[in-house]
Protein backbone atom coordinates (compact mmCIF):
# COMPACT_ATOMS: atom_id res chain seq x y z
CA MET A 1 9.34 -6.66 -6.80
CA PHE A 2 8.02 -7.59 -3.27
CA ALA A 3 4.35 -6.67 -1.90
CA LYS A 4 3.49 -6.74 1.65
CA LEU A 5 -0.01 -5.87 3.08
CA ASP A 6 -0.22 -5.07 6.68
CA GLY A 7 -3.73 -3.45 6.85
CA VAL A 8 -2.15 0.18 6.55
CA ALA A 9 -0.41 0.47 3.19
CA LEU A 10 0.59 -1.58 0.20
CA TYR A 11 4.72 -1.25 -0.33
CA LEU A 12 6.00 -2.19 -3.81
CA GLN A 13 9.76 -1.39 -4.81
CA PRO A 14 10.19 -0.50 -8.56
CA LEU A 15 12.67 -2.07 -10.87
CA THR A 16 14.50 1.28 -10.96
CA ASP A 17 16.19 3.83 -8.43
CA ASN A 18 15.62 2.58 -4.79
CA LYS A 19 12.26 4.37 -4.23
CA MET A 20 9.25 2.73 -2.79
CA LEU A 21 6.04 3.30 -3.98
CA ILE A 22 3.58 3.71 -0.78
CA ILE A 23 -0.18 3.51 -1.55
CA ASN A 24 -1.86 3.95 2.06
CA ILE A 25 -5.10 2.43 2.17
CA LYS A 26 -7.75 3.83 4.02
CA GLU A 27 -10.32 2.54 6.32
CA ASN A 28 -12.94 0.29 4.52
CA GLU A 29 -11.45 0.85 1.10
CA SER A 30 -11.40 -2.24 -0.92
CA ILE A 31 -8.43 -3.71 -2.12
CA ASP A 32 -9.52 -2.98 -5.62
CA LYS A 33 -9.51 0.50 -5.32
CA ALA A 34 -6.16 0.64 -3.61
CA LEU A 35 -4.82 -1.74 -6.27
CA LYS A 36 -6.36 0.89 -8.88
CA ARG A 37 -4.70 3.90 -7.25
CA PHE A 38 -1.40 1.46 -7.23
CA LYS A 39 -1.43 1.04 -11.06
CA LYS A 40 -2.16 4.49 -11.70
CA LYS A 41 0.89 5.84 -9.44
CA PHE A 42 2.92 2.73 -10.97
CA GLU A 43 2.39 3.81 -14.52
CA LYS A 44 3.52 7.65 -13.53
CA THR A 45 6.75 6.45 -12.40
CA GLY A 46 7.54 5.27 -16.41
CA VAL A 47 9.27 1.89 -14.82
CA LEU A 48 7.40 -0.22 -17.71
CA LYS A 49 8.07 2.45 -20.42
CA GLU A 50 11.47 2.44 -19.67
CA LEU A 51 11.79 -1.39 -19.65
CA ARG A 52 10.31 -1.57 -23.06
CA ALA A 53 12.76 0.96 -24.29
CA ARG A 54 15.48 -0.77 -23.64
CA THR A 55 14.40 -4.06 -25.02
CA ALA A 56 15.99 -3.08 -28.41
CA PHE A 57 18.86 -0.16 -29.08
CA GLU A 58 16.73 2.54 -30.87
CA LYS A 59 19.29 4.98 -32.49
CA PRO A 60 19.04 8.49 -31.61
CA SER A 61 18.20 9.92 -35.21
CA VAL A 62 15.04 7.60 -34.77
CA THR A 63 14.17 8.51 -31.21
CA ARG A 64 14.19 12.39 -32.41
CA ARG A 65 12.20 11.75 -35.28
CA THR A 66 9.80 9.71 -33.44
CA GLU A 67 9.77 12.40 -30.92
CA ILE A 68 8.76 15.22 -33.73
CA LEU A 69 6.28 13.35 -35.20
CA LYS A 70 4.57 12.75 -31.87
CA ALA A 71 4.82 16.62 -30.93
CA ALA A 72 3.44 17.48 -34.77
CA TYR A 73 0.34 15.27 -33.73
CA ARG A 74 -0.60 16.62 -30.52
CA GLN A 75 -0.02 19.75 -32.06
CA LYS A 76 -2.19 19.34 -34.64
CA GLN A 77 -5.08 17.45 -31.92
CA PHE A 78 -4.70 20.61 -30.03
CA ALA A 79 -5.67 22.97 -33.04
CA LYS A 80 -8.51 20.65 -34.09
CA GLU A 81 -9.87 20.80 -30.25
CA ASN A 82 -9.39 24.81 -30.37
CA TYR A 83 -10.50 25.54 -33.59
């Protein structure tokens, strides 16, 4: 990853794809706020999630099972919230 701060934008290239994350730094904006916005945007790309998933092989049946369990949990939480 390469970071370059030229007063206008913070450019970082994720490990996957050839797309760049561009965070425009507004006038009188602190670097902390810009970094927070970058972290949020970077998290939405799912690069770290994918990297962690690729560290160890997971059988497709295990993946399906975890997705079903997560969906059931979300459904249960939604039902509890709207009850």
